[in-house]
């Protein structure tokens, strides 16, 4: 996925929640990317300091938000 024009549509405290949202978008044909760093799972407390972000292309923002709000 090209990183030009990406918009953060949600933030999450837990990776599993971010992955679930990513799966919903993927199942509906929307490319997304999860942005976060917890040192590969070794420092999970970093997720509370820097929430995990879910981003989509600008053209998919409205559709993605609608899908996740449903």
PDB file of N, CA and C in Angstrom:
ATOM      1  N   UNK A   1       0.850  -1.179   0.000  1.00  0.00           N
ATOM      2  CA  UNK A   1       0.000   0.000   0.000  1.00  0.00           C
ATOM      3  C   UNK A   1       0.889   1.234   0.000  1.00  0.00           C
ATOM      4  N   UNK A   2       0.564   2.169  -0.852  1.00  0.00           N
ATOM      5  CA  UNK A   2       1.294   3.432  -0.929  1.00  0.00           C
ATOM      6  C   UNK A   2       0.924   4.291   0.273  1.00  0.00           C
ATOM      7  N   UNK A   3       1.902   4.930   0.909  1.00  0.00           N
ATOM      8  CA  UNK A   3       1.614   5.694   2.120  1.00  0.00           C
ATOM      9  C   UNK A   3       1.205   7.133   1.842  1.00  0.00           C
ATOM     10  N   UNK A   4       1.104   7.535   0.578  1.00  0.00           N
ATOM     11  CA  UNK A   4       0.648   8.884   0.245  1.00  0.00           C
ATOM     12  C   UNK A   4      -0.858   8.971   0.443  1.00  0.00           C
ATOM     13  N   UNK A   5      -1.297  10.020   1.133  1.00  0.00           N
ATOM     14  CA  UNK A   5      -2.721  10.238   1.305  1.00  0.00           C
ATOM     15  C   UNK A   5      -3.395   9.295   2.271  1.00  0.00           C
ATOM     16  N   UNK A   6      -2.677   8.794   3.262  1.00  0.00           N
ATOM     17  CA  UNK A   6      -3.284   7.926   4.267  1.00  0.00           C
ATOM     18  C   UNK A   6      -3.907   8.765   5.377  1.00  0.00           C
ATOM     19  N   UNK A   7      -5.039   8.312   5.874  1.00  0.00           N
ATOM     20  CA  UNK A   7      -5.734   9.000   6.947  1.00  0.00           C
ATOM     21  C   UNK A   7      -6.018   8.035   8.083  1.00  0.00           C
ATOM     22  N   UNK A   8      -5.731   8.468   9.287  1.00  0.00           N
ATOM     23  CA  UNK A   8      -6.014   7.667  10.474  1.00  0.00           C
ATOM     24  C   UNK A   8      -7.515   7.750  10.727  1.00  0.00           C
ATOM     25  N   UNK A   9      -8.166   6.579  10.769  1.00  0.00           N
ATOM     26  CA  UNK A   9      -9.611   6.586  11.001  1.00  0.00           C
ATOM     27  C   UNK A   9      -9.990   6.064  12.384  1.00  0.00           C
ATOM     28  N   UNK A  10      -9.092   5.346  13.046  1.00  0.00           N
ATOM     29  CA  UNK A  10      -9.355   4.825  14.385  1.00  0.00           C
ATOM     30  C   UNK A  10      -8.037   4.647  15.117  1.00  0.00           C
ATOM     31  N   UNK A  11      -8.117   4.681  16.445  1.00  0.00           N
ATOM     32  CA  UNK A  11      -6.989   4.289  17.283  1.00  0.00           C
ATOM     33  C   UNK A  11      -7.471   3.209  18.238  1.00  0.00           C
ATOM     34  N   UNK A  12      -6.544   2.344  18.631  1.00  0.00           N
ATOM     35  CA  UNK A  12      -6.874   1.196  19.470  1.00  0.00           C
ATOM     36  C   UNK A  12      -5.831   1.031  20.570  1.00  0.00           C
ATOM     37  N   UNK A  13      -6.267   0.548  21.707  1.00  0.00           N
ATOM     38  CA  UNK A  13      -5.358   0.261  22.811  1.00  0.00           C
ATOM     39  C   UNK A  13      -4.809  -1.163  22.716  1.00  0.00           C
ATOM     40  N   UNK A  14      -5.527  -2.032  21.989  1.00  0.00           N
ATOM     41  CA  UNK A  14      -5.103  -3.433  21.872  1.00  0.00           C
ATOM     42  C   UNK A  14      -4.962  -3.822  20.401  1.00  0.00           C
ATOM     43  N   UNK A  15      -3.917  -4.550  20.093  1.00  0.00           N
ATOM     44  CA  UNK A  15      -3.663  -4.956  18.711  1.00  0.00           C
ATOM     45  C   UNK A  15      -4.771  -5.846  18.165  1.00  0.00           C
ATOM     46  N   UNK A  16      -5.331  -6.696  18.997  1.00  0.00           N
ATOM     47  CA  UNK A  16      -6.377  -7.605  18.527  1.00  0.00           C
ATOM     48  C   UNK A  16      -7.587  -6.818  18.009  1.00  0.00           C
ATOM     49  N   UNK A  17      -7.919  -5.711  18.642  1.00  0.00           N
ATOM     50  CA  UNK A  17      -9.029  -4.882  18.171  1.00  0.00           C
ATOM     51  C   UNK A  17      -8.698  -4.230  16.828  1.00  0.00           C
ATOM     52  N   UNK A  18      -7.472  -3.793  16.686  1.00  0.00           N
ATOM     53  CA  UNK A  18      -7.035  -3.189  15.420  1.00  0.00           C
ATOM     54  C   UNK A  18      -7.057  -4.224  14.297  1.00  0.00           C
ATOM     55  N   UNK A  19      -6.608  -5.434  14.594  1.00  0.00           N
ATOM     56  CA  UNK A  19      -6.594  -6.500  13.583  1.00  0.00           C
ATOM     57  C   UNK A  19      -8.015  -6.885  13.171  1.00  0.00           C
ATOM     58  N   UNK A  20      -8.954  -6.868  14.112  1.00  0.00           N
ATOM     59  CA  UNK A  20     -10.349  -7.178  13.794  1.00  0.00           C
ATOM     60  C   UNK A  20     -10.918  -6.117  12.854  1.00  0.00           C
ATOM     61  N   UNK A  21     -10.671  -4.855  13.142  1.00  0.00           N
ATOM     62  CA  UNK A  21     -11.139  -3.771  12.273  1.00  0.00           C
ATOM     63  C   UNK A  21     -10.494  -3.880  10.891  1.00  0.00           C
ATOM     64  N   UNK A  22      -9.220  -4.206  10.854  1.00  0.00           N
ATOM     65  CA  UNK A  22      -8.521  -4.384   9.587  1.00  0.00           C
ATOM     66  C   UNK A  22      -9.160  -5.517   8.776  1.00  0.00           C
ATOM     67  N   UNK A  23      -9.546  -6.594   9.440  1.00  0.00           N
ATOM     68  CA  UNK A  23     -10.177  -7.724   8.767  1.00  0.00           C
ATOM     69  C   UNK A  23     -11.545  -7.341   8.193  1.00  0.00           C
ATOM     70  N   UNK A  24     -12.298  -6.543   8.931  1.00  0.00           N
ATOM     71  CA  UNK A  24     -13.602  -6.077   8.438  1.00  0.00           C
ATOM     72  C   UNK A  24     -13.416  -5.273   7.160  1.00  0.00           C
ATOM     73  N   UNK A  25     -12.450  -4.369   7.166  1.00  0.00           N
ATOM     74  CA  UNK A  25     -12.202  -3.554   5.984  1.00  0.00           C
ATOM     75  C   UNK A  25     -11.716  -4.415   4.821  1.00  0.00           C
ATOM     76  N   UNK A  26     -10.819  -5.340   5.103  1.00  0.00           N
ATOM     77  CA  UNK A  26     -10.290  -6.227   4.068  1.00  0.00           C
ATOM     78  C   UNK A  26     -11.406  -7.058   3.437  1.00  0.00           C
ATOM     79  N   UNK A  27     -12.325  -7.554   4.251  1.00  0.00           N
ATOM     80  CA  UNK A  27     -13.438  -8.359   3.753  1.00  0.00           C
ATOM     81  C   UNK A  27     -14.359  -7.554   2.842  1.00  0.00           C
ATOM     82  N   UNK A  28     -14.302  -6.237   2.971  1.00  0.00           N
ATOM     83  CA  UNK A  28     -15.131  -5.367   2.144  1.00  0.00           C
ATOM     84  C   UNK A  28     -14.323  -4.666   1.046  1.00  0.00           C
ATOM     85  N   UNK A  29     -13.120  -5.156   0.787  1.00  0.00           N
ATOM     86  CA  UNK A  29     -12.318  -4.671  -0.317  1.00  0.00           C
ATOM     87  C   UNK A  29     -11.608  -3.348  -0.085  1.00  0.00           C
ATOM     88  N   UNK A  30     -11.425  -2.971   1.174  1.00  0.00           N
ATOM     89  CA  UNK A  30     -10.744  -1.722   1.494  1.00  0.00           C
ATOM     90  C   UNK A  30      -9.364  -2.040   2.058  1.00  0.00           C
ATOM     91  N   UNK A  31      -8.333  -1.521   1.397  1.00  0.00           N
ATOM     92  CA  UNK A  31      -6.965  -1.692   1.893  1.00  0.00           C
ATOM     93  C   UNK A  31      -6.757  -0.800   3.103  1.00  0.00           C
ATOM     94  N   UNK A  32      -6.101  -1.336   4.116  1.00  0.00           N
ATOM     95  CA  UNK A  32      -5.798  -0.558   5.314  1.00  0.00           C
ATOM     96  C   UNK A  32      -4.438  -0.976   5.844  1.00  0.00           C
ATOM     97  N   UNK A  33      -3.939  -0.173   6.751  1.00  0.00           N
ATOM     98  CA  UNK A  33      -2.642  -0.476   7.360  1.00  0.00           C
ATOM     99  C   UNK A  33      -2.714  -0.151   8.845  1.00  0.00           C
ATOM    100  N   UNK A  34      -2.095  -1.000   9.638  1.00  0.00           N
ATOM    101  CA  UNK A  34      -2.007  -0.776  11.078  1.00  0.00           C
ATOM    102  C   UNK A  34      -0.641  -0.176  11.373  1.00  0.00           C
ATOM    103  N   UNK A  35      -0.666   0.918  12.122  1.00  0.00           N
ATOM    104  CA  UNK A  35       0.568   1.621  12.469  1.00  0.00           C
ATOM    105  C   UNK A  35       0.723   1.584  13.987  1.00  0.00           C
ATOM    106  N   UNK A  36       1.762   0.955  14.442  1.00  0.00           N
ATOM    107  CA  UNK A  36       2.015   0.870  15.877  1.00  0.00           C
ATOM    108  C   UNK A  36       3.338   0.185  16.126  1.00  0.00           C
ATOM    109  N   UNK A  37       3.834   0.338  17.328  1.00  0.00           N
ATOM    110  CA  UNK A  37       5.099  -0.308  17.660  1.00  0.00           C
ATOM    111  C   UNK A  37       5.114  -0.655  19.144  1.00  0.00           C
ATOM    112  N   UNK A  38       5.146  -1.936  19.416  1.00  0.00           N
ATOM    113  CA  UNK A  38       5.295  -2.394  20.797  1.00  0.00           C
ATOM    114  C   UNK A  38       6.488  -3.346  20.907  1.00  0.00           C
ATOM    115  N   UNK A  39       7.496  -3.078  20.067  1.00  0.00           N
ATOM    116  CA  UNK A  39       8.731  -3.874  20.052  1.00  0.00           C
ATOM    117  C   UNK A  39       8.442  -5.348  19.781  1.00  0.00           C
ATOM    118  N   UNK A  40       7.583  -5.584  18.813  1.00  0.00           N
ATOM    119  CA  UNK A  40       7.275  -6.957  18.431  1.00  0.00           C
ATOM    120  C   UNK A  40       6.573  -7.743  19.510  1.00  0.00           C
ATOM    121  N   UNK A  41       5.830  -7.072  20.364  1.00  0.00           N
ATOM    122  CA  UNK A  41       5.111  -7.741  21.436  1.00  0.00           C
ATOM    123  C   UNK A  41       5.862  -7.820  22.749  1.00  0.00           C
ATOM    124  N   UNK A  42       7.110  -7.402  22.756  1.00  0.00           N
ATOM    125  CA  UNK A  42       7.916  -7.468  23.969  1.00  0.00           C
ATOM    126  C   UNK A  42       7.580  -6.363  24.963  1.00  0.00           C
ATOM    127  N   UNK A  43       7.150  -5.214  24.459  1.00  0.00           N
ATOM    128  CA  UNK A  43       6.843  -4.080  25.326  1.00  0.00           C
ATOM    129  C   UNK A  43       5.395  -3.638  25.082  1.00  0.00           C
ATOM    130  N   UNK A  44       4.460  -4.476  25.477  1.00  0.00           N
ATOM    131  CA  UNK A  44       3.050  -4.221  25.177  1.00  0.00           C
ATOM    132  C   UNK A  44       2.526  -2.949  25.845  1.00  0.00           C
ATOM    133  N   UNK A  45       3.166  -2.484  26.897  1.00  0.00           N
ATOM    134  CA  UNK A  45       2.721  -1.256  27.551  1.00  0.00           C
ATOM    135  C   UNK A  45       2.863  -0.045  26.627  1.00  0.00           C
ATOM    136  N   UNK A  46       3.682  -0.159  25.591  1.00  0.00           N
ATOM    137  CA  UNK A  46       3.829   0.946  24.646  1.00  0.00           C
ATOM    138  C   UNK A  46       2.523   1.255  23.914  1.00  0.00           C
ATOM    139  N   UNK A  47       1.644   0.243  23.779  1.00  0.00           N
ATOM    140  CA  UNK A  47       0.355   0.466  23.135  1.00  0.00           C
ATOM    141  C   UNK A  47      -0.492   1.473  23.903  1.00  0.00           C
ATOM    142  N   UNK A  48      -0.349   1.515  25.210  1.00  0.00           N
ATOM    143  CA  UNK A  48      -1.113   2.484  25.989  1.00  0.00           C
ATOM    144  C   UNK A  48      -0.513   3.884  25.899  1.00  0.00           C
ATOM    145  N   UNK A  49       0.790   3.965  25.642  1.00  0.00           N
ATOM    146  CA  UNK A  49       1.442   5.263  25.491  1.00  0.00           C
ATOM    147  C   UNK A  49       1.263   5.827  24.080  1.00  0.00           C
ATOM    148  N   UNK A  50       1.288   4.936  23.103  1.00  0.00           N
ATOM    149  CA  UNK A  50       1.162   5.317  21.696  1.00  0.00           C
ATOM    150  C   UNK A  50       0.136   4.388  21.058  1.00  0.00           C
ATOM    151  N   UNK A  51      -1.125   4.772  21.059  1.00  0.00           N
ATOM    152  CA  UNK A  51      -2.176   3.869  20.557  1.00  0.00           C
ATOM    153  C   UNK A  51      -1.896   3.378  19.135  1.00  0.00           C
ATOM    154  N   UNK A  52      -2.401   2.207  18.855  1.00  0.00           N
ATOM    155  CA  UNK A  52      -2.291   1.604  17.541  1.00  0.00           C
ATOM    156  C   UNK A  52      -3.261   2.340  16.616  1.00  0.00           C
ATOM    157  N   UNK A  53      -2.787   2.708  15.432  1.00  0.00           N
ATOM    158  CA  UNK A  53      -3.603   3.492  14.504  1.00  0.00           C
ATOM    159  C   UNK A  53      -3.956   2.663  13.275  1.00  0.00           C
ATOM    160  N   UNK A  54      -5.169   2.863  12.803  1.00  0.00           N
ATOM    161  CA  UNK A  54      -5.646   2.210  11.585  1.00  0.00           C
ATOM    162  C   UNK A  54      -5.833   3.291  10.531  1.00  0.00           C
ATOM    163  N   UNK A  55      -5.178   3.116   9.392  1.00  0.00           N
ATOM    164  CA  UNK A  55      -5.225   4.129   8.340  1.00  0.00           C
ATOM    165  C   UNK A  55      -5.720   3.528   7.036  1.00  0.00           C
ATOM    166  N   UNK A  56      -6.396   4.371   6.247  1.00  0.00           N
ATOM    167  CA  UNK A  56      -6.876   3.994   4.920  1.00  0.00           C
ATOM    168  C   UNK A  56      -6.566   5.125   3.948  1.00  0.00           C
ATOM    169  N   UNK A  57      -6.698   4.832   2.657  1.00  0.00           N
ATOM    170  CA  UNK A  57      -6.521   5.854   1.633  1.00  0.00           C
ATOM    171  C   UNK A  57      -7.628   6.894   1.750  1.00  0.00           C
ATOM    172  N   UNK A  58      -7.325   8.095   1.298  1.00  0.00           N
ATOM    173  CA  UNK A  58      -8.287   9.198   1.378  1.00  0.00           C
ATOM    174  C   UNK A  58      -9.610   8.842   0.703  1.00  0.00           C
ATOM    175  N   UNK A  59      -9.560   8.141  -0.401  1.00  0.00           N
ATOM    176  CA  UNK A  59     -10.775   7.800  -1.138  1.00  0.00           C
ATOM    177  C   UNK A  59     -11.658   6.798  -0.400  1.00  0.00           C
ATOM    178  N   UNK A  60     -11.098   6.088   0.577  1.00  0.00           N
ATOM    179  CA  UNK A  60     -11.857   5.063   1.311  1.00  0.00           C
ATOM    180  C   UNK A  60     -12.301   5.498   2.704  1.00  0.00           C
ATOM    181  N   UNK A  61     -11.995   6.718   3.103  1.00  0.00           N
ATOM    182  CA  UNK A  61     -12.246   7.144   4.480  1.00  0.00           C
ATOM    183  C   UNK A  61     -13.718   7.009   4.863  1.00  0.00           C
ATOM    184  N   UNK A  62     -14.606   7.588   4.101  1.00  0.00           N
ATOM    185  CA  UNK A  62     -16.031   7.577   4.466  1.00  0.00           C
ATOM    186  C   UNK A  62     -16.601   6.165   4.516  1.00  0.00           C
ATOM    187  N   UNK A  63     -16.291   5.352   3.517  1.00  0.00           N
ATOM    188  CA  UNK A  63     -16.791   3.975   3.480  1.00  0.00           C
ATOM    189  C   UNK A  63     -16.250   3.171   4.661  1.00  0.00           C
ATOM    190  N   UNK A  64     -14.964   3.327   4.946  1.00  0.00           N
ATOM    191  CA  UNK A  64     -14.339   2.583   6.047  1.00  0.00           C
ATOM    192  C   UNK A  64     -14.960   2.955   7.380  1.00  0.00           C
ATOM    193  N   UNK A  65     -15.161   4.234   7.619  1.00  0.00           N
ATOM    194  CA  UNK A  65     -15.768   4.676   8.883  1.00  0.00           C
ATOM    195  C   UNK A  65     -17.185   4.130   9.004  1.00  0.00           C
ATOM    196  N   UNK A  66     -17.931   4.168   7.914  1.00  0.00           N
ATOM    197  CA  UNK A  66     -19.306   3.644   7.927  1.00  0.00           C
ATOM    198  C   UNK A  66     -19.319   2.154   8.253  1.00  0.00           C
ATOM    199  N   UNK A  67     -18.415   1.401   7.655  1.00  0.00           N
ATOM    200  CA  UNK A  67     -18.337  -0.044   7.930  1.00  0.00           C
ATOM    201  C   UNK A  67     -17.990  -0.327   9.388  1.00  0.00           C
ATOM    202  N   UNK A  68     -17.047   0.414   9.931  1.00  0.00           N
ATOM    203  CA  UNK A  68     -16.622   0.164  11.315  1.00  0.00           C
ATOM    204  C   UNK A  68     -17.649   0.651  12.328  1.00  0.00           C
ATOM    205  N   UNK A  69     -18.448   1.638  11.954  1.00  0.00           N
ATOM    206  CA  UNK A  69     -19.484   2.127  12.866  1.00  0.00           C
ATOM    207  C   UNK A  69     -20.715   1.221  12.876  1.00  0.00           C
ATOM    208  N   UNK A  70     -20.848   0.395  11.840  1.00  0.00           N
ATOM    209  CA  UNK A  70     -22.042  -0.489  11.732  1.00  0.00           C
ATOM    210  C   UNK A  70     -21.991  -1.629  12.714  1.00  0.00           C
TER     211      UNK A  70
END
